[in-house]
């Protein structure tokens, strides 16, 4: 197994690419949060306090569950494909943001990977990358391409949010009444599932 030296100072093009990936990922996470807050009928301040910051695919899964509760569908976005893209991109983003870069032969740059398993020797069984790290070749063009893919996902999430907001019933109350199953057992109104709020005049 080859051992490459750690790079202490990356070329400007690489730093620019890393910055673009991290920047675009932050915008993607923000867009996911805004869609979540909208579905929960929360303002951004309340949402940041209550929802926190789940991982991208966890957030998308939460959005899909909220959509199911309100019988909403996103016809303009393939959510399964989006989930697959988010899984791969988030993993790469984490490696790029927190990884170590190595210099190989002919000044080729590698990103050291510690997650999962791989085969250093095709004839031998797989080994954990934690034990034998893998060097993944990466360059400025790869980083710029990844930033564009993240931006495309962000756009898809934004379009999904617009579609869901249009599809919602505008007459729906801001806060829906809890069902019997959601009420505490000691709730005195737990037996009145069909009760409606009384309106008063005067």
Protein backbone atom coordinates (compact mmCIF):
# COMPACT_ATOMS: atom_id res chain seq x y z
CA UNK A 1 0.00 0.00 0.00
CA UNK A 2 1.39 3.38 -1.00
CA UNK A 3 1.74 6.10 1.61
CA UNK A 4 1.41 9.69 0.38
CA UNK A 5 2.42 12.86 2.25
CA UNK A 6 -0.27 15.14 3.68
CA UNK A 7 -0.72 18.44 1.84
CA UNK A 8 -0.35 21.41 4.19
CA UNK A 9 -1.20 24.09 1.62
CA UNK A 10 -3.68 23.35 -1.16
CA UNK A 11 -3.57 25.15 -4.52
CA UNK A 12 -5.91 28.15 -4.82
CA UNK A 13 -8.12 26.31 -7.34
CA UNK A 14 -8.68 23.49 -4.86
CA UNK A 15 -9.50 25.88 -2.04
CA UNK A 16 -11.97 27.67 -4.30
CA UNK A 17 -13.63 24.36 -5.19
CA UNK A 18 -13.86 23.25 -1.56
CA UNK A 19 -15.40 26.59 -0.66
CA UNK A 20 -17.95 26.28 -3.48
CA UNK A 21 -19.00 22.80 -2.31
CA UNK A 22 -19.45 23.91 1.31
CA UNK A 23 -21.23 27.11 0.25
CA UNK A 24 -23.70 25.32 -2.01
CA UNK A 25 -24.37 22.66 0.63
CA UNK A 26 -25.26 25.35 3.18
CA UNK A 27 -27.80 26.80 0.74
CA UNK A 28 -29.25 23.31 0.17
CA UNK A 29 -29.70 22.73 3.90
CA UNK A 30 -31.38 26.14 4.23
CA UNK A 31 -33.84 25.28 1.45
CA UNK A 32 -34.74 22.00 3.12
CA UNK A 33 -35.33 23.84 6.39
CA UNK A 34 -37.58 26.44 4.75
CA UNK A 35 -39.76 23.73 3.19
CA UNK A 36 -40.01 22.00 6.58
CA UNK A 37 -40.98 25.22 8.37
CA UNK A 38 -43.62 25.92 5.73
CA UNK A 39 -45.19 22.48 6.14
CA UNK A 40 -45.16 22.86 9.93
CA UNK A 41 -46.60 26.38 9.67
CA UNK A 42 -43.67 27.83 11.55
CA UNK A 43 -41.76 31.02 10.98
CA UNK A 44 -37.96 30.75 10.48
CA UNK A 45 -37.23 31.78 14.09
CA UNK A 46 -39.60 29.23 15.58
CA UNK A 47 -38.39 26.62 13.11
CA UNK A 48 -34.73 27.08 13.99
CA UNK A 49 -35.57 26.61 17.67
CA UNK A 50 -37.90 23.63 17.29
CA UNK A 51 -36.60 21.66 14.29
CA UNK A 52 -32.83 22.05 14.71
CA UNK A 53 -30.63 20.73 11.89
CA UNK A 54 -31.15 17.09 10.87
CA UNK A 55 -29.02 15.60 8.12
CA UNK A 56 -30.22 16.31 4.60
CA UNK A 57 -31.82 12.93 3.92
CA UNK A 58 -33.37 12.81 7.40
CA UNK A 59 -34.87 16.22 6.68
CA UNK A 60 -36.21 15.03 3.32
CA UNK A 61 -37.74 11.96 4.99
CA UNK A 62 -39.42 14.27 7.51
CA UNK A 63 -40.77 16.43 4.67
CA UNK A 64 -42.20 13.34 2.94
CA UNK A 65 -43.95 12.28 6.15
CA UNK A 66 -45.41 15.76 6.60
CA UNK A 67 -46.59 15.64 2.99
CA UNK A 68 -48.27 12.30 3.68
CA UNK A 69 -50.12 13.73 6.68
CA UNK A 70 -51.63 16.45 4.49
CA UNK A 71 -52.07 14.23 1.40
CA UNK A 72 -49.69 16.39 -0.60
CA UNK A 73 -47.65 15.20 -3.57
CA UNK A 74 -44.71 16.71 -5.42
CA UNK A 75 -45.37 15.96 -9.08
CA UNK A 76 -42.60 18.18 -10.39
CA UNK A 77 -39.79 16.50 -8.40
CA UNK A 78 -38.74 12.84 -8.26
CA UNK A 79 -38.28 12.48 -4.51
CA UNK A 80 -36.67 9.02 -4.72
CA UNK A 81 -34.03 10.30 -7.12
CA UNK A 82 -33.52 13.39 -4.95
CA UNK A 83 -33.00 11.21 -1.86
CA UNK A 84 -30.40 9.12 -3.70
CA UNK A 85 -28.56 12.23 -4.84
CA UNK A 86 -28.59 13.75 -1.36
CA UNK A 87 -27.12 10.58 0.18
CA UNK A 88 -24.15 10.53 -2.18
CA UNK A 89 -23.55 14.27 -2.16
CA UNK A 90 -23.74 14.60 1.61
CA UNK A 91 -21.19 11.84 2.06
CA UNK A 92 -18.81 13.52 -0.40
CA UNK A 93 -19.41 16.94 1.11
CA UNK A 94 -18.51 15.63 4.58
CA UNK A 95 -15.33 14.02 3.23
CA UNK A 96 -14.32 17.20 1.45
CA UNK A 97 -15.12 19.52 4.36
CA UNK A 98 -13.46 17.37 7.02
CA UNK A 99 -11.02 15.23 5.05
CA UNK A 100 -7.26 15.17 4.62
CA UNK A 101 -5.67 15.76 1.24
CA UNK A 102 -2.60 13.86 0.10
CA UNK A 103 -0.08 14.43 -2.68
CA UNK A 104 0.63 11.49 -4.95
CA UNK A 105 2.93 10.99 -7.91
CA UNK A 106 3.15 13.82 -10.45
CA UNK A 107 1.58 16.15 -7.86
CA UNK A 108 -1.78 14.40 -8.18
CA UNK A 109 -4.07 15.20 -5.24
CA UNK A 110 -5.96 12.54 -3.31
CA UNK A 111 -8.67 12.79 -0.67
CA UNK A 112 -8.19 10.30 2.16
CA UNK A 113 -11.33 8.27 2.87
CA UNK A 114 -11.99 6.45 6.16
CA UNK A 115 -15.61 5.34 5.71
CA UNK A 116 -16.86 1.94 4.57
CA UNK A 117 -14.86 -0.92 3.07
CA UNK A 118 -12.80 -1.38 -0.08
CA UNK A 119 -10.38 -3.78 -1.80
CA UNK A 120 -6.79 -2.50 -1.89
CA UNK A 121 -5.94 -5.84 -3.50
CA UNK A 122 -8.63 -7.18 -5.88
CA UNK A 123 -7.56 -10.71 -5.02
CA UNK A 124 -8.03 -10.23 -1.27
CA UNK A 125 -11.19 -9.73 0.85
CA UNK A 126 -12.47 -6.23 1.58
CA UNK A 127 -10.90 -4.29 4.43
CA UNK A 128 -12.19 -1.37 6.47
CA UNK A 129 -10.97 2.04 5.31
CA UNK A 130 -10.47 2.92 8.96
CA UNK A 131 -7.66 0.36 8.99
CA UNK A 132 -6.37 0.90 5.45
CA UNK A 133 -7.52 4.31 4.18
CA UNK A 134 -8.24 4.78 0.50
CA UNK A 135 -6.98 7.72 -1.52
CA UNK A 136 -9.62 9.11 -3.89
CA UNK A 137 -8.28 11.20 -6.76
CA UNK A 138 -9.86 14.65 -6.83
CA UNK A 139 -9.21 17.90 -8.66
CA UNK A 140 -10.68 21.40 -9.10
CA UNK A 141 -12.96 20.26 -11.94
CA UNK A 142 -14.39 17.51 -9.73
CA UNK A 143 -15.16 20.02 -6.99
CA UNK A 144 -16.81 22.48 -9.38
CA UNK A 145 -18.92 19.68 -10.86
CA UNK A 146 -20.03 18.60 -7.40
CA UNK A 147 -20.96 22.18 -6.48
CA UNK A 148 -23.16 22.33 -9.60
CA UNK A 149 -24.87 19.06 -8.66
CA UNK A 150 -25.63 20.40 -5.18
CA UNK A 151 -27.01 23.62 -6.69
CA UNK A 152 -29.28 21.55 -8.97
CA UNK A 153 -30.64 19.68 -5.93
CA UNK A 154 -31.22 22.98 -4.14
CA UNK A 155 -33.22 24.24 -7.11
CA UNK A 156 -35.32 21.04 -7.12
CA UNK A 157 -36.05 21.43 -3.40
CA UNK A 158 -37.04 25.06 -3.93
CA UNK A 159 -39.42 24.09 -6.75
CA UNK A 160 -40.88 21.36 -4.55
CA UNK A 161 -41.54 23.90 -1.79
CA UNK A 162 -43.34 26.22 -4.22
CA UNK A 163 -45.45 23.35 -5.53
CA UNK A 164 -46.42 22.19 -2.04
CA UNK A 165 -47.28 25.70 -0.94
CA UNK A 166 -49.57 26.15 -3.96
CA UNK A 167 -51.22 22.78 -3.34
CA UNK A 168 -52.19 23.48 0.25
CA UNK A 169 -55.78 24.37 1.09
CA UNK A 170 -55.75 28.12 1.80
CA UNK A 171 -58.79 27.73 4.07
CA UNK A 172 -56.94 25.27 6.31
CA UNK A 173 -56.45 26.47 9.88
CA UNK A 174 -52.96 27.58 10.80
CA UNK A 175 -52.80 24.96 13.55
CA UNK A 176 -54.80 21.78 13.05
CA UNK A 177 -56.76 20.34 15.95
CA UNK A 178 -55.18 17.24 17.44
CA UNK A 179 -56.89 13.92 16.90
CA UNK A 180 -58.00 11.75 19.82
CA UNK A 181 -54.99 9.50 19.33
CA UNK A 182 -52.63 12.45 19.80
CA UNK A 183 -54.27 13.85 22.95
CA UNK A 184 -52.98 12.97 26.45
CA UNK A 185 -55.07 10.38 28.29
CA UNK A 186 -56.04 12.92 30.96
CA UNK A 187 -57.35 15.44 28.39
CA UNK A 188 -61.00 16.15 29.41
CA UNK A 189 -61.89 16.64 25.72
CA UNK A 190 -60.35 13.36 24.56
CA UNK A 191 -63.75 11.84 23.84
CA UNK A 192 -64.98 14.57 21.52
CA UNK A 193 -63.25 13.79 18.26
CA UNK A 194 -65.88 15.60 16.20
CA UNK A 195 -65.95 18.75 18.33
CA UNK A 196 -65.39 22.01 16.50
CA UNK A 197 -64.15 25.28 17.99
CA UNK A 198 -67.04 27.51 19.04
CA UNK A 199 -67.26 30.91 17.39
CA UNK A 200 -68.45 33.85 19.43
CA UNK A 201 -69.77 37.21 18.40
CA UNK A 202 -69.60 40.42 20.27
